[in-house]
Amino acid sequence: MELKEKIKKLPFSPGVYFMKDSLDTIIYVGKSKNSRSRVGSYFVNSKSHSSKVIKLVKNIQALKFAMSLMILMENFTLNLILAKIL
């Protein structure tokens, strides 16, 4: 599945997302209150993106999303903790 298709299937709920490179190495872990909006914002052409974000986006080959615990708890603080641990 293409990245843009995966983004369209992300929920609008809080979550933790993992971005991977071509070697399947996690290159970024993020958290958000609105997962679809936040992850999608990386792929919008914007002059406000830093050079770091531009380089990151060029290397993204896969995207994973964790929400199973959020369904049970719906707690943004939990997402912050998961992002630190993972």
C-alpha atoms as a PDB file:
ATOM      1  CA  MET A   1       0.000   0.000   0.000  1.00  0.00           C
ATOM      2  CA  GLU A   2       1.277   3.450  -0.899  1.00  0.00           C
ATOM      3  CA  LEU A   3       2.059   5.946   1.890  1.00  0.00           C
ATOM      4  CA  LYS A   4      -0.665   8.379   0.812  1.00  0.00           C
ATOM      5  CA  GLU A   5      -3.224   5.563   0.963  1.00  0.00           C
ATOM      6  CA  LYS A   6      -2.055   4.605   4.453  1.00  0.00           C
ATOM      7  CA  ILE A   7      -2.360   8.201   5.618  1.00  0.00           C
ATOM      8  CA  LYS A   8      -5.954   8.371   4.352  1.00  0.00           C
ATOM      9  CA  LYS A   9      -6.752   5.320   6.491  1.00  0.00           C
ATOM     10  CA  LEU A  10      -5.282   6.749   9.704  1.00  0.00           C
ATOM     11  CA  PRO A  11      -7.823   7.735  12.351  1.00  0.00           C
ATOM     12  CA  PHE A  12      -8.435  11.295  13.481  1.00  0.00           C
ATOM     13  CA  SER A  13      -7.808  10.091  17.044  1.00  0.00           C
ATOM     14  CA  PRO A  14      -4.614  10.319  19.147  1.00  0.00           C
ATOM     15  CA  GLY A  15      -1.825   7.896  18.417  1.00  0.00           C
ATOM     16  CA  VAL A  16       1.841   7.129  18.033  1.00  0.00           C
ATOM     17  CA  TYR A  17       3.308   6.737  14.561  1.00  0.00           C
ATOM     18  CA  PHE A  18       6.574   5.232  13.340  1.00  0.00           C
ATOM     19  CA  MET A  19       8.312   6.223  10.136  1.00  0.00           C
ATOM     20  CA  LYS A  20      10.743   3.731   8.590  1.00  0.00           C
ATOM     21  CA  ASP A  21      13.392   3.973   5.875  1.00  0.00           C
ATOM     22  CA  SER A  22      14.182   1.551   3.048  1.00  0.00           C
ATOM     23  CA  LEU A  23      16.147  -0.675   5.463  1.00  0.00           C
ATOM     24  CA  ASP A  24      13.049  -0.978   7.685  1.00  0.00           C
ATOM     25  CA  THR A  25      14.819   1.069  10.377  1.00  0.00           C
ATOM     26  CA  ILE A  26      12.652   3.380  12.462  1.00  0.00           C
ATOM     27  CA  ILE A  27      13.827   6.890  11.625  1.00  0.00           C
ATOM     28  CA  TYR A  28      11.150   8.825  13.506  1.00  0.00           C
ATOM     29  CA  VAL A  29       8.583   8.239  16.244  1.00  0.00           C
ATOM     30  CA  GLY A  30       5.891  10.844  16.672  1.00  0.00           C
ATOM     31  CA  LYS A  31       2.733  11.391  18.645  1.00  0.00           C
ATOM     32  CA  SER A  32      -0.362  13.354  17.855  1.00  0.00           C
ATOM     33  CA  LYS A  33      -3.849  14.253  18.984  1.00  0.00           C
ATOM     34  CA  ASN A  34      -5.131  13.959  15.404  1.00  0.00           C
ATOM     35  CA  SER A  35      -3.043  11.289  13.714  1.00  0.00           C
ATOM     36  CA  ARG A  36      -4.279  11.648  10.138  1.00  0.00           C
ATOM     37  CA  SER A  37      -3.827  15.407  10.149  1.00  0.00           C
ATOM     38  CA  ARG A  38      -0.384  15.336  11.779  1.00  0.00           C
ATOM     39  CA  VAL A  39       1.119  12.580   9.640  1.00  0.00           C
ATOM     40  CA  GLY A  40      -0.403  14.081   6.497  1.00  0.00           C
ATOM     41  CA  SER A  41       1.183  17.444   7.290  1.00  0.00           C
ATOM     42  CA  TYR A  42       4.625  15.982   6.575  1.00  0.00           C
ATOM     43  CA  PHE A  43       3.648  15.294   2.974  1.00  0.00           C
ATOM     44  CA  VAL A  44       2.231  18.705   2.141  1.00  0.00           C
ATOM     45  CA  ASN A  45       4.577  20.945   0.173  1.00  0.00           C
ATOM     46  CA  SER A  46       5.337  23.699   2.629  1.00  0.00           C
ATOM     47  CA  LYS A  47       8.011  26.339   2.770  1.00  0.00           C
ATOM     48  CA  SER A  48       7.724  26.214   6.543  1.00  0.00           C
ATOM     49  CA  HIS A  49       9.240  22.706   6.707  1.00  0.00           C
ATOM     50  CA  SER A  50      12.758  22.688   8.104  1.00  0.00           C
ATOM     51  CA  SER A  51      15.563  21.052   6.137  1.00  0.00           C
ATOM     52  CA  LYS A  52      15.470  18.261   8.744  1.00  0.00           C
ATOM     53  CA  VAL A  53      11.801  17.499   7.983  1.00  0.00           C
ATOM     54  CA  ILE A  54      12.383  17.663   4.217  1.00  0.00           C
ATOM     55  CA  LYS A  55      15.232  15.154   4.527  1.00  0.00           C
ATOM     56  CA  LEU A  56      13.146  12.922   6.810  1.00  0.00           C
ATOM     57  CA  VAL A  57      10.213  12.829   4.386  1.00  0.00           C
ATOM     58  CA  LYS A  58      12.488  11.931   1.463  1.00  0.00           C
ATOM     59  CA  ASN A  59      13.651   8.856   3.400  1.00  0.00           C
ATOM     60  CA  ILE A  60      10.255   7.568   4.562  1.00  0.00           C
ATOM     61  CA  GLN A  61       9.429   4.228   2.953  1.00  0.00           C
ATOM     62  CA  ALA A  62       6.970   2.810   5.473  1.00  0.00           C
ATOM     63  CA  LEU A  63       4.576   4.036   8.099  1.00  0.00           C
ATOM     64  CA  LYS A  64       3.258   2.208  11.155  1.00  0.00           C
ATOM     65  CA  PHE A  65       0.643   3.395  13.612  1.00  0.00           C
ATOM     66  CA  ALA A  66      -0.132   2.256  17.152  1.00  0.00           C
ATOM     67  CA  MET A  67      -3.608   2.774  18.497  1.00  0.00           C
ATOM     68  CA  SER A  68      -4.748  -0.410  20.240  1.00  0.00           C
ATOM     69  CA  LEU A  69      -4.186   1.032  23.695  1.00  0.00           C
ATOM     70  CA  MET A  70      -5.727   4.332  22.678  1.00  0.00           C
ATOM     71  CA  ILE A  71      -8.991   2.606  21.826  1.00  0.00           C
ATOM     72  CA  LEU A  72      -9.187   1.361  25.405  1.00  0.00           C
ATOM     73  CA  MET A  73      -7.940   4.468  27.167  1.00  0.00           C
ATOM     74  CA  GLU A  74      -8.217   7.372  24.692  1.00  0.00           C
ATOM     75  CA  ASN A  75      -5.555   9.177  26.658  1.00  0.00           C
ATOM     76  CA  PHE A  76      -3.126  11.580  24.994  1.00  0.00           C
ATOM     77  CA  THR A  77      -0.786  11.363  28.004  1.00  0.00           C
ATOM     78  CA  LEU A  78      -0.426   7.637  27.347  1.00  0.00           C
ATOM     79  CA  ASN A  79       0.656   8.434  23.803  1.00  0.00           C
ATOM     80  CA  LEU A  80       3.359  10.715  25.165  1.00  0.00           C
ATOM     81  CA  ILE A  81       4.632   7.929  27.410  1.00  0.00           C
ATOM     82  CA  LEU A  82       4.571   5.392  24.551  1.00  0.00           C
ATOM     83  CA  ALA A  83       6.518   7.772  22.317  1.00  0.00           C
ATOM     84  CA  LYS A  84       9.227   8.091  24.993  1.00  0.00           C
ATOM     85  CA  ILE A  85       9.424   4.321  25.595  1.00  0.00           C
ATOM     86  CA  LEU A  86       9.346   3.255  21.947  1.00  0.00           C
END
